[in-house]
Amino acid sequence: MLGVTLLKPAGRGLVLTEAGIKAMHQADQIFQLGQQLPDIVRETRAQPIVRLAVGIADGLSKLVVRKLMDPVILAPNLKLLCHEDEFDDLLADLALHRLDVVLADRAAALNPNIKLYSHALGSSQMSWFASPALYDAAKTGYPESMKKVPVLLPTSHSAVRLRLDHWFVKNEITPRVVGEFEDSALLMTFGASGMGIFPAPDLLAEELTAQYNVQRVGWCEEVQEYFFAIGTEKKVMHPLVKKILSVNAQILGVAPVS
């Protein structure tokens, strides 16, 4: 029916072809959805579950995600499904209506084949943070001190990385980069251990100080991290997504969503 070969000989047995592997992966998802169906139906009959499926771009700080979602996490009968992945893969899932919204550090590019809408949630200035062991060396003579202390950076998965690189060039600083991380939680954890000073959105300053025992070295002038909620609707209809947009617009200074 598919018109392709799914199995091929290998020794005395058979193995999956490349098409077979993809077909098996798709079939696994179909079976999983089928197994979930009775539970979903029973939950709906028992109580009015409010389902929210959120895609989280892997370059976005998890502490930022939690802060952005604060307005809805205590919503009655909420069933929250969070899926972290690469930005483009999340947009594909969103287009197939597997997700209600994607939270990311960049807007979706214009694509005539997929109608996606990027709603600005706000932004935060970036700052540099250091453990007690590195704080004095980093603070004294900042930002010139950045030439001497070890530095941790996000990889290019994060949209803010390019802005940080431009900041170094503008300030004529060649940083001693000792680590690069795709995962922001790992970046902060290694930074808190004293491996190097690290950047983070300034809106997290209080939480970073309390949870990681680090201090703000200084602001990263003119470098902002931006936050977006990406959906398939120009006018947001999902009540919880609409609340995320409205509350964060007030807090982070963006025009409220109607």
Protein backbone atom coordinates (compact mmCIF):
# COMPACT_ATOMS: atom_id res chain seq x y z
CA MET A 1 0.00 0.00 0.00
CA LEU A 2 2.84 2.39 0.83
CA GLY A 3 4.69 1.55 -2.36
CA VAL A 4 8.08 1.13 -0.67
CA THR A 5 10.08 -1.78 0.76
CA LEU A 6 10.01 -1.82 4.56
CA LEU A 7 12.22 -4.88 5.13
CA LYS A 8 15.40 -6.14 3.48
CA PRO A 9 17.47 -9.34 3.87
CA ALA A 10 20.37 -9.27 6.32
CA GLY A 11 22.20 -12.57 6.73
CA ARG A 12 19.56 -15.17 7.53
CA GLY A 13 17.06 -12.63 8.76
CA LEU A 14 15.45 -9.33 7.88
CA VAL A 15 16.10 -5.75 8.98
CA LEU A 16 14.17 -2.55 8.50
CA THR A 17 14.98 -0.29 5.57
CA GLU A 18 15.21 3.47 6.17
CA ALA A 19 11.56 3.73 5.10
CA GLY A 20 10.74 0.87 7.46
CA ILE A 21 12.34 2.66 10.41
CA LYS A 22 10.28 5.78 9.72
CA ALA A 23 7.11 3.73 9.30
CA MET A 24 7.76 1.91 12.59
CA HIS A 25 8.33 5.22 14.41
CA GLN A 26 5.04 6.58 13.06
CA ALA A 27 3.22 3.34 13.94
CA ASP A 28 4.57 3.52 17.51
CA GLN A 29 3.04 6.99 17.87
CA ILE A 30 -0.29 5.73 16.50
CA PHE A 31 -0.34 2.84 18.99
CA GLN A 32 0.58 5.15 21.88
CA LEU A 33 -2.23 7.53 20.98
CA GLY A 34 -4.64 4.59 20.77
CA GLN A 35 -3.61 3.38 24.23
CA GLN A 36 -4.12 6.88 25.66
CA LEU A 37 -7.58 7.32 24.15
CA PRO A 38 -9.60 5.41 26.85
CA ASP A 39 -7.89 7.38 29.65
CA ILE A 40 -8.51 10.70 27.91
CA VAL A 41 -12.20 9.89 27.41
CA ARG A 42 -12.61 8.78 31.04
CA GLU A 43 -10.90 11.95 32.34
CA THR A 44 -13.21 14.13 30.25
CA ARG A 45 -16.28 12.35 31.61
CA ALA A 46 -15.07 12.58 35.22
CA GLN A 47 -14.11 16.27 35.25
CA PRO A 48 -13.64 19.15 32.78
CA ILE A 49 -9.90 18.79 32.15
CA VAL A 50 -8.19 21.87 30.68
CA ARG A 51 -5.37 20.55 28.52
CA LEU A 52 -2.41 22.75 27.62
CA ALA A 53 0.35 21.30 25.44
CA VAL A 54 3.40 23.57 25.45
CA GLY A 55 6.50 23.28 23.30
CA ILE A 56 9.64 24.72 24.87
CA ALA A 57 12.54 25.71 22.65
CA ASP A 58 15.76 24.17 23.93
CA GLY A 59 17.57 27.52 23.88
CA LEU A 60 15.16 29.10 26.39
CA SER A 61 16.01 29.17 30.09
CA LYS A 62 13.79 26.82 32.10
CA LEU A 63 13.58 29.37 34.91
CA VAL A 64 12.24 31.87 32.37
CA VAL A 65 9.71 29.30 31.14
CA ARG A 66 8.46 28.72 34.66
CA LYS A 67 8.15 32.48 35.22
CA LEU A 68 6.30 32.99 31.92
CA MET A 69 3.87 30.22 32.83
CA ASP A 70 3.24 31.41 36.39
CA PRO A 71 -0.16 32.92 35.44
CA VAL A 72 -1.66 29.49 34.60
CA ILE A 73 0.10 26.78 36.61
CA LEU A 74 -2.54 26.88 39.35
CA ALA A 75 -5.50 26.89 36.96
CA PRO A 76 -8.26 24.48 38.09
CA ASN A 77 -8.23 21.05 36.41
CA LEU A 78 -5.13 21.90 34.41
CA LYS A 79 -3.36 19.06 32.63
CA LEU A 80 -0.04 20.51 31.48
CA LEU A 81 2.04 18.73 28.84
CA CYS A 82 5.52 20.18 28.27
CA HIS A 83 7.71 19.06 25.41
CA GLU A 84 11.25 20.40 24.91
CA ASP A 85 12.86 20.15 21.49
CA GLU A 86 14.71 22.07 18.82
CA PHE A 87 12.91 25.17 17.57
CA ASP A 88 12.13 23.97 14.03
CA ASP A 89 10.86 20.57 15.22
CA LEU A 90 8.50 22.30 17.66
CA LEU A 91 7.10 24.50 14.91
CA ALA A 92 6.40 21.39 12.83
CA ASP A 93 4.49 19.84 15.76
CA LEU A 94 2.61 23.10 16.25
CA ALA A 95 1.57 23.17 12.59
CA LEU A 96 0.23 19.62 13.00
CA HIS A 97 -1.76 20.77 16.08
CA ARG A 98 0.17 18.51 18.45
CA LEU A 99 0.94 21.59 20.54
CA ASP A 100 -1.18 24.53 21.64
CA VAL A 101 1.71 26.99 21.86
CA VAL A 102 5.49 27.16 21.58
CA LEU A 103 7.55 29.29 23.96
CA ALA A 104 10.79 30.46 22.39
CA ASP A 105 13.51 33.11 22.39
CA ARG A 106 12.82 34.08 18.78
CA ALA A 107 9.88 34.67 16.46
CA ALA A 108 8.91 32.14 13.82
CA ALA A 109 10.21 32.96 10.35
CA LEU A 110 7.64 33.79 7.69
CA ASN A 111 6.63 30.65 5.82
CA PRO A 112 3.98 30.73 3.06
CA ASN A 113 3.27 27.02 3.62
CA ILE A 114 2.65 27.21 7.38
CA LYS A 115 0.55 29.91 9.04
CA LEU A 116 2.20 30.63 12.38
CA TYR A 117 1.85 33.77 14.48
CA SER A 118 4.49 35.05 16.91
CA HIS A 119 3.11 36.96 19.92
CA ALA A 120 5.67 38.99 21.86
CA LEU A 121 5.72 38.23 25.59
CA GLY A 122 8.44 40.72 26.46
CA SER A 123 12.17 40.86 26.99
CA SER A 124 14.85 41.11 29.66
CA GLN A 125 18.24 42.73 29.69
CA MET A 126 21.07 40.22 30.08
CA SER A 127 23.50 40.34 33.01
CA TRP A 128 26.65 38.50 33.99
CA PHE A 129 26.63 36.39 37.17
CA ALA A 130 29.48 34.85 39.15
CA SER A 131 30.04 32.47 42.04
CA PRO A 132 31.64 33.89 45.22
CA ALA A 133 35.02 32.49 44.10
CA LEU A 134 35.01 34.59 40.90
CA TYR A 135 32.91 37.57 41.91
CA ASP A 136 35.66 39.93 43.12
CA ALA A 137 37.88 39.30 40.09
CA ALA A 138 34.95 39.80 37.72
CA LYS A 139 33.52 42.86 39.48
CA THR A 140 36.77 44.81 39.78
CA GLY A 141 37.18 46.89 36.64
CA TYR A 142 34.10 45.44 34.90
CA PRO A 143 33.74 45.09 31.90
CA GLU A 144 37.54 45.10 31.28
CA SER A 145 37.77 42.30 33.85
CA MET A 146 35.96 40.05 31.37
CA LYS A 147 39.28 39.63 29.55
CA LYS A 148 40.77 37.84 32.55
CA VAL A 149 38.06 35.64 34.06
CA PRO A 150 36.79 32.33 32.62
CA VAL A 151 33.48 32.66 30.76
CA LEU A 152 30.62 30.24 30.09
CA LEU A 153 28.30 30.85 27.14
CA PRO A 154 25.18 29.35 25.55
CA THR A 155 25.66 27.69 22.17
CA SER A 156 24.15 29.06 18.98
CA HIS A 157 20.93 27.18 19.90
CA SER A 158 20.16 30.29 21.92
CA ALA A 159 19.22 33.40 19.93
CA VAL A 160 21.00 35.62 22.46
CA ARG A 161 24.43 34.06 21.72
CA LEU A 162 24.99 36.23 18.64
CA ARG A 163 24.11 39.37 20.63
CA LEU A 164 26.59 38.39 23.33
CA ASP A 165 29.30 37.88 20.71
CA HIS A 166 28.58 41.36 19.32
CA TRP A 167 28.83 42.79 22.86
CA PHE A 168 32.31 41.32 23.24
CA VAL A 169 33.39 42.80 19.90
CA LYS A 170 31.92 46.21 20.75
CA ASN A 171 33.81 46.27 24.07
CA GLU A 172 37.02 44.96 22.45
CA ILE A 173 37.01 41.89 24.68
CA THR A 174 38.32 38.49 23.65
CA PRO A 175 36.71 36.23 26.27
CA ARG A 176 38.39 33.13 27.68
CA VAL A 177 35.51 30.76 26.94
CA VAL A 178 35.91 27.58 28.98
CA GLY A 179 32.48 26.05 28.31
CA GLU A 180 29.48 26.25 25.97
CA PHE A 181 26.10 24.72 26.83
CA GLU A 182 22.89 24.01 24.93
CA ASP A 183 21.00 23.55 28.20
CA SER A 184 20.62 26.74 30.23
CA ALA A 185 20.20 24.82 33.50
CA LEU A 186 23.59 23.15 32.96
CA LEU A 187 25.11 26.53 32.13
CA MET A 188 23.88 27.96 35.42
CA THR A 189 24.87 24.87 37.41
CA PHE A 190 28.45 24.90 36.13
CA GLY A 191 28.59 28.68 36.60
CA ALA A 192 27.46 28.33 40.21
CA SER A 193 30.21 25.75 40.78
CA GLY A 194 32.82 28.38 39.95
CA MET A 195 33.82 27.18 36.48
CA GLY A 196 33.19 30.60 34.94
CA ILE A 197 30.97 33.67 34.93
CA PHE A 198 27.81 33.28 32.88
CA PRO A 199 25.01 35.34 31.28
CA ALA A 200 21.36 35.14 32.27
CA PRO A 201 18.24 37.30 31.90
CA ASP A 202 18.26 39.96 34.60
CA LEU A 203 14.63 39.21 35.49
CA LEU A 204 16.01 36.01 37.11
CA ALA A 205 18.50 37.86 39.33
CA GLU A 206 16.66 37.24 42.62
CA GLU A 207 16.06 33.55 41.88
CA LEU A 208 19.64 32.97 40.75
CA THR A 209 20.99 34.62 43.88
CA ALA A 210 18.73 32.51 46.11
CA GLN A 211 18.97 29.16 44.30
CA TYR A 212 22.53 29.19 42.96
CA ASN A 213 24.35 31.46 45.47
CA VAL A 214 25.69 33.71 42.71
CA GLN A 215 25.87 37.49 42.41
CA ARG A 216 25.29 39.89 39.56
CA VAL A 217 28.63 41.18 38.23
CA GLY A 218 27.13 43.76 35.90
CA TRP A 219 24.61 44.46 33.19
CA CYS A 220 25.34 43.45 29.62
CA GLU A 221 24.52 46.81 28.07
CA GLU A 222 22.07 46.77 25.15
CA VAL A 223 21.85 42.95 25.05
CA GLN A 224 18.27 41.74 25.43
CA GLU A 225 16.74 38.28 25.43
CA TYR A 226 13.29 38.21 23.84
CA PHE A 227 10.41 35.88 24.64
CA PHE A 228 7.67 34.77 22.26
CA ALA A 229 4.57 32.62 22.34
CA ILE A 230 4.03 31.12 18.89
CA GLY A 231 0.67 29.73 17.83
CA THR A 232 -1.44 28.89 14.82
CA GLU A 233 -4.02 31.60 15.51
CA LYS A 234 -3.71 35.33 14.83
CA LYS A 235 -6.34 35.96 17.50
CA VAL A 236 -5.53 33.71 20.44
CA MET A 237 -8.45 31.49 21.42
CA HIS A 238 -7.07 29.07 24.03
CA PRO A 239 -7.97 30.71 27.38
CA LEU A 240 -4.75 29.70 29.15
CA VAL A 241 -2.50 30.83 26.30
CA LYS A 242 -4.39 34.12 26.25
CA LYS A 243 -3.77 34.52 29.98
CA ILE A 244 -0.04 33.81 29.55
CA LEU A 245 0.11 36.54 26.92
CA SER A 246 -1.94 39.12 28.81
CA VAL A 247 -0.26 38.79 32.22
CA ASN A 248 3.28 38.73 30.85
CA ALA A 249 2.51 41.68 28.59
CA GLN A 250 1.70 43.70 31.71
CA ILE A 251 4.77 42.50 33.63
CA LEU A 252 7.30 42.76 30.80
CA GLY A 253 5.94 45.88 29.16
CA VAL A 254 4.42 44.65 25.89
CA ALA A 255 1.15 45.93 24.43
CA PRO A 256 -1.63 43.71 25.88
CA VAL A 257 -3.12 40.99 23.69
CA SER A 258 -6.78 41.48 22.84
